[in-house]
Every structure is written in C-alpha cells, then in structure tokens.
Amino acid sequence: MPTSLPDAALAALAATDLEALAMPAEKGRTVTIYWDEESEQWRRHVADR
C-alpha cells in the first residue's frame, strides 16, 4: 500500500467490504484494488492477464 494515500482513503478502507473487493476473478484474469480519488471509494478492476 502506498504511503501517499489521503486520509479519506485510509478511513474508507475501514468501512469497505475487502472480502468482496478481493474476491478471486475467473481463471485467466487478475484483480486490482485501487483508490478512486474522484469518487473517494476503493474500486475493483478485473482484467485479462
């Protein structure tokens, strides 16, 4: 986790369903969890490998 995250990101982390965000993707895909500064929410991105 980067040390440059804003306080809002750290606060939202405590209220986020990390289990849902980190849920495994379908075979051959990867999951990236990132902080969306515009919406001030943690997001999940699923992409092909």
C-alpha atoms as a PDB file:
ATOM      1  CA  MET A   1       0.000   0.000   0.000  1.00  0.00           C
ATOM      2  CA  PRO A   2       1.468   3.366  -0.953  1.00  0.00           C
ATOM      3  CA  THR A   3       2.345   5.715   1.893  1.00  0.00           C
ATOM      4  CA  SER A   4       0.925   8.689  -0.017  1.00  0.00           C
ATOM      5  CA  LEU A   5      -2.738   7.719   0.385  1.00  0.00           C
ATOM      6  CA  PRO A   6      -5.013  10.524   1.573  1.00  0.00           C
ATOM      7  CA  ASP A   7      -6.702  10.277   4.964  1.00  0.00           C
ATOM      8  CA  ALA A   8     -10.049   9.690   3.200  1.00  0.00           C
ATOM      9  CA  ALA A   9      -8.647   6.514   1.613  1.00  0.00           C
ATOM     10  CA  LEU A  10      -7.495   5.150   4.931  1.00  0.00           C
ATOM     11  CA  ALA A  11     -10.825   5.956   6.595  1.00  0.00           C
ATOM     12  CA  ALA A  12     -12.773   4.367   3.719  1.00  0.00           C
ATOM     13  CA  LEU A  13     -10.618   1.255   3.948  1.00  0.00           C
ATOM     14  CA  ALA A  14     -12.063   0.517   7.378  1.00  0.00           C
ATOM     15  CA  ALA A  15     -15.618   0.766   6.026  1.00  0.00           C
ATOM     16  CA  THR A  16     -15.018  -1.169   2.800  1.00  0.00           C
ATOM     17  CA  ASP A  17     -16.001  -4.795   2.223  1.00  0.00           C
ATOM     18  CA  LEU A  18     -12.490  -6.002   1.436  1.00  0.00           C
ATOM     19  CA  GLU A  19     -13.640  -9.592   1.068  1.00  0.00           C
ATOM     20  CA  ALA A  20     -15.904  -8.610  -1.824  1.00  0.00           C
ATOM     21  CA  LEU A  21     -13.224  -6.444  -3.443  1.00  0.00           C
ATOM     22  CA  ALA A  22     -10.579  -9.157  -3.206  1.00  0.00           C
ATOM     23  CA  MET A  23     -12.848 -11.966  -4.398  1.00  0.00           C
ATOM     24  CA  PRO A  24     -10.968 -14.140  -6.896  1.00  0.00           C
ATOM     25  CA  ALA A  25     -11.587 -13.460 -10.567  1.00  0.00           C
ATOM     26  CA  GLU A  26     -12.361 -16.012 -13.234  1.00  0.00           C
ATOM     27  CA  LYS A  27      -9.482 -18.163 -14.424  1.00  0.00           C
ATOM     28  CA  GLY A  28      -7.027 -16.184 -16.533  1.00  0.00           C
ATOM     29  CA  ARG A  29      -7.984 -12.804 -15.054  1.00  0.00           C
ATOM     30  CA  THR A  30      -6.379 -10.630 -12.404  1.00  0.00           C
ATOM     31  CA  VAL A  31      -7.912  -8.385  -9.763  1.00  0.00           C
ATOM     32  CA  THR A  32      -6.503  -4.988  -8.845  1.00  0.00           C
ATOM     33  CA  ILE A  33      -7.905  -2.951  -5.968  1.00  0.00           C
ATOM     34  CA  TYR A  34      -7.298   0.779  -6.202  1.00  0.00           C
ATOM     35  CA  TRP A  35      -8.324   4.078  -4.621  1.00  0.00           C
ATOM     36  CA  ASP A  36     -10.544   6.168  -6.910  1.00  0.00           C
ATOM     37  CA  GLU A  37      -9.780   9.753  -5.894  1.00  0.00           C
ATOM     38  CA  GLU A  38     -12.737  11.215  -7.809  1.00  0.00           C
ATOM     39  CA  SER A  39     -15.400   9.118  -6.060  1.00  0.00           C
ATOM     40  CA  GLU A  40     -13.345   8.644  -2.873  1.00  0.00           C
ATOM     41  CA  GLN A  41     -14.019   4.908  -2.907  1.00  0.00           C
ATOM     42  CA  TRP A  42     -11.986   1.751  -3.183  1.00  0.00           C
ATOM     43  CA  ARG A  43     -12.621   0.057  -6.532  1.00  0.00           C
ATOM     44  CA  ARG A  44     -12.032  -3.360  -8.053  1.00  0.00           C
ATOM     45  CA  HIS A  45     -10.651  -3.762 -11.567  1.00  0.00           C
ATOM     46  CA  VAL A  46     -10.663  -7.157 -13.286  1.00  0.00           C
ATOM     47  CA  ALA A  47      -8.518  -7.614 -16.385  1.00  0.00           C
ATOM     48  CA  ASP A  48      -7.202 -10.338 -18.645  1.00  0.00           C
ATOM     49  CA  ARG A  49      -3.688 -11.478 -17.786  1.00  0.00           C
END
